[in-house]
Protein backbone atom coordinates (compact mmCIF):
# COMPACT_ATOMS: atom_id res chain seq x y z
CA MET A 1 22.17 -5.03 -21.32
CA ASN A 2 22.34 -1.60 -23.65
CA ARG A 3 23.04 1.72 -22.28
CA ARG A 4 19.42 2.78 -23.15
CA LYS A 5 17.95 -0.63 -20.96
CA CYS A 6 20.42 -0.05 -18.21
CA LEU A 7 19.28 3.96 -18.10
CA LEU A 8 15.90 2.69 -17.62
CA ALA A 9 16.38 0.11 -15.43
CA VAL A 10 18.43 2.70 -13.20
CA ALA A 11 15.27 5.18 -13.77
CA GLY A 12 12.85 2.52 -12.81
CA TRP A 13 14.89 1.71 -9.49
CA ILE A 14 14.88 5.19 -8.29
CA GLY A 15 10.96 6.25 -9.27
CA ALA A 16 10.53 2.90 -6.82
CA LEU A 17 12.17 4.05 -4.34
CA VAL A 18 10.84 7.75 -4.51
CA LEU A 19 7.38 7.24 -5.51
CA GLY A 20 6.53 3.69 -3.91
CA PRO A 21 6.01 4.89 -0.69
CA SER A 22 3.47 7.65 -1.60
CA LEU A 23 1.39 4.79 -3.34
CA GLY A 24 1.38 2.58 -0.91
CA LEU A 25 3.87 0.11 -1.83
CA ARG A 26 5.85 -2.15 0.70
CA PRO A 27 9.49 -2.66 0.22
CA GLY A 28 8.75 -6.70 0.71
CA HIS A 29 9.92 -6.91 4.44
CA ALA A 30 8.59 -10.27 5.71
CA ARG A 31 7.18 -10.42 9.32
CA ALA A 32 7.47 -13.85 9.74
CA GLU A 33 10.40 -15.51 12.16
CA GLU A 34 11.36 -17.82 9.97
CA SER A 35 13.86 -16.81 7.34
CA ARG A 36 15.90 -18.49 4.70
CA GLU A 37 18.45 -18.15 2.00
CA ALA A 38 18.29 -18.42 -1.79
CA ALA A 39 21.36 -18.05 -3.84
CA LEU A 40 20.58 -17.27 -7.39
CA ALA A 41 23.00 -17.81 -10.63
CA LEU A 42 22.05 -14.35 -12.97
CA GLU A 43 22.85 -14.16 -16.46
CA GLY A 44 22.33 -10.80 -18.75
CA LEU A 45 24.16 -8.63 -16.09
CA THR A 46 26.28 -6.07 -18.22
CA CYS A 47 26.63 -3.02 -15.83
CA ALA A 48 25.88 -2.21 -12.47
CA ALA A 49 22.40 -0.39 -13.09
CA CYS A 50 21.87 -4.75 -13.81
CA ALA A 51 22.44 -5.64 -10.46
CA PHE A 52 20.37 -2.49 -9.05
CA ALA A 53 17.56 -3.31 -11.18
CA VAL A 54 17.62 -7.24 -10.43
CA LYS A 55 17.64 -6.05 -6.54
CA ALA A 56 14.67 -3.93 -6.68
CA ALA A 57 12.72 -6.39 -8.35
CA LEU A 58 13.74 -9.03 -5.85
CA LYS A 59 12.97 -6.39 -2.79
CA ARG A 60 9.76 -5.71 -4.19
CA LEU A 61 8.54 -9.21 -3.61
CA ASP A 62 6.70 -9.67 -0.64
CA GLY A 63 8.63 -11.99 2.13
CA VAL A 64 11.76 -10.95 0.80
CA ARG A 65 13.84 -9.45 3.78
CA ASP A 66 16.98 -8.57 1.97
CA ALA A 67 18.81 -8.87 -1.21
CA LYS A 68 22.09 -8.93 -2.22
CA VAL A 69 23.45 -8.72 -5.88
CA SER A 70 26.75 -8.89 -6.96
CA TYR A 71 27.32 -7.41 -10.72
CA ARG A 72 31.44 -9.05 -10.49
CA ASN A 73 30.29 -12.34 -9.57
CA LYS A 74 26.94 -12.43 -11.30
CA THR A 75 25.12 -13.98 -8.37
CA ALA A 76 22.05 -12.58 -5.44
CA THR A 77 21.67 -13.91 -2.69
CA VAL A 78 18.46 -13.56 -1.02
CA PHE A 79 16.73 -13.77 2.82
CA TYR A 80 13.30 -14.54 2.32
CA ASP A 81 10.24 -15.47 4.40
CA PRO A 82 9.27 -19.19 2.69
CA ALA A 83 5.68 -18.68 3.78
CA GLN A 84 5.19 -15.56 1.48
CA VAL A 85 7.96 -16.29 -1.54
CA SER A 86 8.87 -19.22 -3.06
CA PRO A 87 12.82 -19.79 -4.74
CA GLN A 88 10.71 -20.10 -7.80
CA GLU A 89 8.97 -16.94 -7.55
CA LEU A 90 12.66 -15.15 -7.15
CA VAL A 91 13.66 -16.37 -10.13
CA ALA A 92 10.26 -15.25 -11.63
CA ALA A 93 10.86 -12.05 -10.61
CA VAL A 94 14.43 -11.47 -11.68
CA GLU A 95 13.30 -12.73 -15.69
CA GLN A 96 10.43 -10.26 -15.40
CA ALA A 97 13.41 -7.33 -14.93
CA GLY A 98 14.90 -8.70 -18.25
CA PHE A 99 17.63 -11.43 -16.85
CA ARG A 100 17.73 -14.85 -16.56
CA ALA A 101 18.42 -16.56 -13.06
CA SER A 102 18.76 -19.93 -11.35
CA ILE A 103 18.94 -21.47 -7.83
CA GLN A 104 22.08 -22.54 -6.92
CA GLU A 105 22.63 -25.71 -4.84
CA PRO A 106 23.71 -24.24 -1.42
CA SER A 107 28.25 -25.52 -1.68
CA GLY A 108 28.95 -28.07 0.90
CA HIS A 109 25.69 -30.18 0.23
């Protein structure tokens, strides 16, 4: 990601945090009791701002309880309500943010 794109990603992320509540946007916290974990392999991250952009894109989805993104490992761990969002929708959100993602199979299975 070039420097301009990184700056735009950070600006969008900050804007979502600041303006989101006033626009009626929810952070995407699920209310259902069931929660699952998805591991995503990420491509295209070149800086910490990229990781923030991916995390913000994931957390905007209804049903996402939390998202942890590692720029160093190029991975994301997402805790979500499967009644509200699917792993494929998680991948689509990352791709709409301008990055590539794929679902990782759980280790040990």
